[in-house]
Amino acid sequence: MQKNKWVLRTITLSAALSLLSGCWTMAAVGAGAYGGYKMKEKGYTLQSPITKERKSRK
């Protein structure tokens, strides 16, 4: 009987942790998006450091 309770608690805990990990990821993504939006409002821009070189025509 005690072993069954322990197994059930372990399964429940692991299931809850796996479901909550997605919530934390979504919260972090939302916080990053909000921060980027606020920085854009203040005039900051984000530019990719990797750019393709263009050949100049002379």
Protein backbone atom coordinates (compact mmCIF):
# COMPACT_ATOMS: atom_id res chain seq x y z
CA MET A 1 0.00 0.00 0.00
CA GLN A 2 2.80 2.45 0.88
CA LYS A 3 4.67 1.62 -2.30
CA ASN A 4 1.59 2.33 -4.41
CA LYS A 5 1.22 5.78 -2.82
CA TRP A 6 4.88 6.55 -3.48
CA VAL A 7 4.58 5.50 -7.13
CA LEU A 8 1.41 7.54 -7.58
CA ARG A 9 3.01 10.62 -6.00
CA THR A 10 6.11 10.25 -8.17
CA ILE A 11 4.05 9.98 -11.34
CA THR A 12 1.90 12.96 -10.34
CA LEU A 13 4.93 15.10 -9.52
CA SER A 14 6.73 14.28 -12.76
CA ALA A 15 3.59 15.00 -14.79
CA ALA A 16 3.08 18.34 -13.03
CA LEU A 17 6.69 19.37 -13.60
CA SER A 18 6.53 18.53 -17.28
CA LEU A 19 3.35 20.57 -17.72
CA LEU A 20 4.75 23.55 -15.81
CA SER A 21 7.94 23.67 -17.87
CA GLY A 22 5.92 24.79 -20.88
CA CYS A 23 4.31 27.54 -18.81
CA TRP A 24 7.70 28.89 -17.73
CA THR A 25 8.88 28.91 -21.33
CA MET A 26 5.84 30.85 -22.48
CA ALA A 27 6.23 33.33 -19.60
CA ALA A 28 9.88 33.94 -20.56
CA VAL A 29 8.95 34.44 -24.22
CA GLY A 30 6.23 36.89 -23.26
CA ALA A 31 8.58 38.86 -21.01
CA GLY A 32 11.18 39.07 -23.77
CA ALA A 33 8.61 40.25 -26.30
CA TYR A 34 7.31 42.91 -23.92
CA GLY A 35 10.86 44.12 -23.23
CA GLY A 36 11.57 44.34 -26.95
CA TYR A 37 8.36 46.28 -27.53
CA LYS A 38 9.21 48.78 -24.80
CA MET A 39 12.73 49.25 -26.15
CA LYS A 40 11.30 49.87 -29.64
CA GLU A 41 9.06 52.57 -28.15
CA LYS A 42 12.13 54.36 -26.77
CA GLY A 43 13.88 54.32 -30.13
CA TYR A 44 16.17 51.31 -29.81
CA THR A 45 16.47 49.00 -32.78
CA LEU A 46 17.83 45.51 -33.16
CA GLN A 47 20.00 44.73 -36.13
CA SER A 48 21.36 41.36 -37.12
CA PRO A 49 25.16 41.30 -37.06
CA ILE A 50 25.18 38.93 -40.01
CA THR A 51 24.62 40.74 -43.27
CA LYS A 52 25.13 39.75 -46.85
CA GLU A 53 27.71 41.82 -48.65
CA ARG A 54 26.44 43.52 -51.77
CA LYS A 55 28.61 43.96 -54.79
CA SER A 56 28.83 47.58 -55.85
CA ARG A 57 28.24 48.37 -59.51
CA LYS A 58 30.62 50.93 -60.96
